[in-house]
């Protein structure tokens, strides 16, 4: 998933600018348009984010505004975070499959 651009692995010590860049890259690589499928807006409202907040806050904000998709994370047992944009249906299926493999996939703010 990382090599195809459907997921990104980020260090837990990254800046807001890097987070937003990588989320936008995930949206683009999934061939989604932010105005049609995710937010209903022309783009992600970067003014709603604050550098002093943590990644959990940023993820929660995005997930509260998206209706058909979720920004999800996969716990890989390291100091980094693997993020993906999945449809609500893909997210449910991914959670089921992850349990079978003894892994955890959840909305990103819960990791």
C-alpha atoms as a PDB file:
ATOM      1  CA  UNK A   1       0.000   0.000   0.000  1.00  0.00           C
ATOM      2  CA  UNK A   2       2.878   2.339   0.717  1.00  0.00           C
ATOM      3  CA  UNK A   3       4.510   1.708  -2.653  1.00  0.00           C
ATOM      4  CA  UNK A   4       1.273   2.401  -4.552  1.00  0.00           C
ATOM      5  CA  UNK A   5       0.570   5.641  -2.677  1.00  0.00           C
ATOM      6  CA  UNK A   6      -2.597   4.328  -1.038  1.00  0.00           C
ATOM      7  CA  UNK A   7      -0.996   4.708   2.381  1.00  0.00           C
ATOM      8  CA  UNK A   8       1.654   6.934   3.912  1.00  0.00           C
ATOM      9  CA  UNK A   9       3.918   6.225   6.852  1.00  0.00           C
ATOM     10  CA  UNK A  10       4.655   9.251   8.995  1.00  0.00           C
ATOM     11  CA  UNK A  11       6.896   9.722  11.980  1.00  0.00           C
ATOM     12  CA  UNK A  12       5.005  10.862  15.048  1.00  0.00           C
ATOM     13  CA  UNK A  13       7.234  13.967  15.014  1.00  0.00           C
ATOM     14  CA  UNK A  14       5.958  15.739  11.928  1.00  0.00           C
ATOM     15  CA  UNK A  15       4.589  19.182  11.270  1.00  0.00           C
ATOM     16  CA  UNK A  16       1.056  20.183  10.335  1.00  0.00           C
ATOM     17  CA  UNK A  17       2.258  21.142   6.863  1.00  0.00           C
ATOM     18  CA  UNK A  18       3.584  17.601   6.297  1.00  0.00           C
ATOM     19  CA  UNK A  19       0.345  16.093   7.591  1.00  0.00           C
ATOM     20  CA  UNK A  20      -1.828  18.160   5.249  1.00  0.00           C
ATOM     21  CA  UNK A  21       0.463  17.470   2.291  1.00  0.00           C
ATOM     22  CA  UNK A  22       0.301  13.717   2.879  1.00  0.00           C
ATOM     23  CA  UNK A  23      -3.477  13.656   3.369  1.00  0.00           C
ATOM     24  CA  UNK A  24      -3.936  15.584   0.135  1.00  0.00           C
ATOM     25  CA  UNK A  25      -1.592  13.118  -1.585  1.00  0.00           C
ATOM     26  CA  UNK A  26      -3.701  10.203  -0.308  1.00  0.00           C
ATOM     27  CA  UNK A  27      -6.865  11.850  -1.626  1.00  0.00           C
ATOM     28  CA  UNK A  28      -5.245  12.441  -5.012  1.00  0.00           C
ATOM     29  CA  UNK A  29      -3.821   8.915  -5.265  1.00  0.00           C
ATOM     30  CA  UNK A  30      -7.243   7.453  -4.520  1.00  0.00           C
ATOM     31  CA  UNK A  31      -8.640   9.544  -7.393  1.00  0.00           C
ATOM     32  CA  UNK A  32     -10.997  11.421  -5.091  1.00  0.00           C
ATOM     33  CA  UNK A  33     -12.036  15.001  -5.473  1.00  0.00           C
ATOM     34  CA  UNK A  34     -12.299  16.882  -2.202  1.00  0.00           C
ATOM     35  CA  UNK A  35     -15.191  18.945  -3.502  1.00  0.00           C
ATOM     36  CA  UNK A  36     -17.350  15.958  -4.514  1.00  0.00           C
ATOM     37  CA  UNK A  37     -16.654  13.068  -2.208  1.00  0.00           C
ATOM     38  CA  UNK A  38     -15.124  14.119   1.068  1.00  0.00           C
ATOM     39  CA  UNK A  39     -15.918  17.527   2.438  1.00  0.00           C
ATOM     40  CA  UNK A  40     -18.370  19.182   0.119  1.00  0.00           C
ATOM     41  CA  UNK A  41     -15.967  22.120   0.045  1.00  0.00           C
ATOM     42  CA  UNK A  42     -13.548  23.177  -2.660  1.00  0.00           C
ATOM     43  CA  UNK A  43     -10.574  22.022  -0.580  1.00  0.00           C
ATOM     44  CA  UNK A  44      -9.533  21.048   2.907  1.00  0.00           C
ATOM     45  CA  UNK A  45      -9.961  24.123   5.089  1.00  0.00           C
ATOM     46  CA  UNK A  46      -6.392  24.530   6.319  1.00  0.00           C
ATOM     47  CA  UNK A  47      -7.387  27.506   8.497  1.00  0.00           C
ATOM     48  CA  UNK A  48      -9.287  25.096  10.754  1.00  0.00           C
ATOM     49  CA  UNK A  49      -6.011  23.472  11.819  1.00  0.00           C
ATOM     50  CA  UNK A  50      -3.665  24.703  14.521  1.00  0.00           C
ATOM     51  CA  UNK A  51       0.070  23.925  14.759  1.00  0.00           C
ATOM     52  CA  UNK A  52      -0.248  23.596  18.532  1.00  0.00           C
ATOM     53  CA  UNK A  53      -2.681  20.697  18.197  1.00  0.00           C
ATOM     54  CA  UNK A  54      -1.635  17.079  17.834  1.00  0.00           C
ATOM     55  CA  UNK A  55      -2.238  14.632  15.018  1.00  0.00           C
ATOM     56  CA  UNK A  56      -5.234  13.170  16.839  1.00  0.00           C
ATOM     57  CA  UNK A  57      -6.936  16.563  16.757  1.00  0.00           C
ATOM     58  CA  UNK A  58      -6.156  17.025  13.057  1.00  0.00           C
ATOM     59  CA  UNK A  59      -7.479  13.562  12.193  1.00  0.00           C
ATOM     60  CA  UNK A  60     -10.610  14.043  14.301  1.00  0.00           C
ATOM     61  CA  UNK A  61     -11.339  17.317  12.529  1.00  0.00           C
ATOM     62  CA  UNK A  62     -11.084  15.726   9.089  1.00  0.00           C
ATOM     63  CA  UNK A  63     -13.175  12.719  10.086  1.00  0.00           C
ATOM     64  CA  UNK A  64     -15.864  14.972  11.541  1.00  0.00           C
ATOM     65  CA  UNK A  65     -16.210  16.810   8.223  1.00  0.00           C
ATOM     66  CA  UNK A  66     -16.008  13.865   5.825  1.00  0.00           C
ATOM     67  CA  UNK A  67     -19.201  11.914   5.249  1.00  0.00           C
ATOM     68  CA  UNK A  68     -18.373   9.002   2.925  1.00  0.00           C
ATOM     69  CA  UNK A  69     -14.700   8.501   3.790  1.00  0.00           C
ATOM     70  CA  UNK A  70     -12.475   8.158   6.829  1.00  0.00           C
ATOM     71  CA  UNK A  71      -8.864   8.975   7.498  1.00  0.00           C
ATOM     72  CA  UNK A  72      -7.749   5.761   9.144  1.00  0.00           C
ATOM     73  CA  UNK A  73      -4.550   4.592  10.720  1.00  0.00           C
ATOM     74  CA  UNK A  74      -2.924   1.221  11.037  1.00  0.00           C
ATOM     75  CA  UNK A  75      -0.964   0.306  14.131  1.00  0.00           C
ATOM     76  CA  UNK A  76       2.229  -1.366  12.940  1.00  0.00           C
ATOM     77  CA  UNK A  77       3.952  -1.530  16.317  1.00  0.00           C
ATOM     78  CA  UNK A  78       6.504   1.219  15.654  1.00  0.00           C
ATOM     79  CA  UNK A  79       6.952   4.916  16.397  1.00  0.00           C
ATOM     80  CA  UNK A  80       5.350   5.800  13.094  1.00  0.00           C
ATOM     81  CA  UNK A  81       1.788   5.989  11.887  1.00  0.00           C
ATOM     82  CA  UNK A  82       0.405   4.532   8.658  1.00  0.00           C
ATOM     83  CA  UNK A  83      -2.500   6.600   7.318  1.00  0.00           C
ATOM     84  CA  UNK A  84      -5.022   5.722   4.605  1.00  0.00           C
ATOM     85  CA  UNK A  85      -8.192   7.253   3.206  1.00  0.00           C
ATOM     86  CA  UNK A  86     -10.897   4.589   2.997  1.00  0.00           C
ATOM     87  CA  UNK A  87     -14.578   4.681   2.163  1.00  0.00           C
ATOM     88  CA  UNK A  88     -16.855   3.819   5.072  1.00  0.00           C
ATOM     89  CA  UNK A  89     -17.415   0.368   3.536  1.00  0.00           C
ATOM     90  CA  UNK A  90     -13.688  -0.223   2.975  1.00  0.00           C
ATOM     91  CA  UNK A  91     -13.014   0.841   6.567  1.00  0.00           C
ATOM     92  CA  UNK A  92     -15.447  -1.721   8.007  1.00  0.00           C
ATOM     93  CA  UNK A  93     -13.941  -4.487   5.884  1.00  0.00           C
ATOM     94  CA  UNK A  94     -10.374  -3.440   6.740  1.00  0.00           C
ATOM     95  CA  UNK A  95     -11.173  -3.586  10.457  1.00  0.00           C
ATOM     96  CA  UNK A  96     -12.531  -7.121  10.086  1.00  0.00           C
ATOM     97  CA  UNK A  97      -9.504  -8.295   8.106  1.00  0.00           C
ATOM     98  CA  UNK A  98      -7.064  -6.627  10.492  1.00  0.00           C
ATOM     99  CA  UNK A  99      -8.559  -8.494  13.456  1.00  0.00           C
ATOM    100  CA  UNK A 100      -7.989 -11.793  11.651  1.00  0.00           C
ATOM    101  CA  UNK A 101      -4.330 -10.833  11.192  1.00  0.00           C
ATOM    102  CA  UNK A 102      -4.026  -9.600  14.800  1.00  0.00           C
ATOM    103  CA  UNK A 103      -3.514  -6.006  13.683  1.00  0.00           C
ATOM    104  CA  UNK A 104      -5.455  -2.871  14.406  1.00  0.00           C
ATOM    105  CA  UNK A 105      -7.017  -0.443  11.953  1.00  0.00           C
ATOM    106  CA  UNK A 106      -9.124   2.381  13.343  1.00  0.00           C
ATOM    107  CA  UNK A 107      -9.996   5.991  12.705  1.00  0.00           C
ATOM    108  CA  UNK A 108      -6.662   7.741  12.942  1.00  0.00           C
ATOM    109  CA  UNK A 109      -7.440   9.808  16.027  1.00  0.00           C
ATOM    110  CA  UNK A 110      -7.911   6.647  18.113  1.00  0.00           C
ATOM    111  CA  UNK A 111      -4.408   5.303  17.496  1.00  0.00           C
END
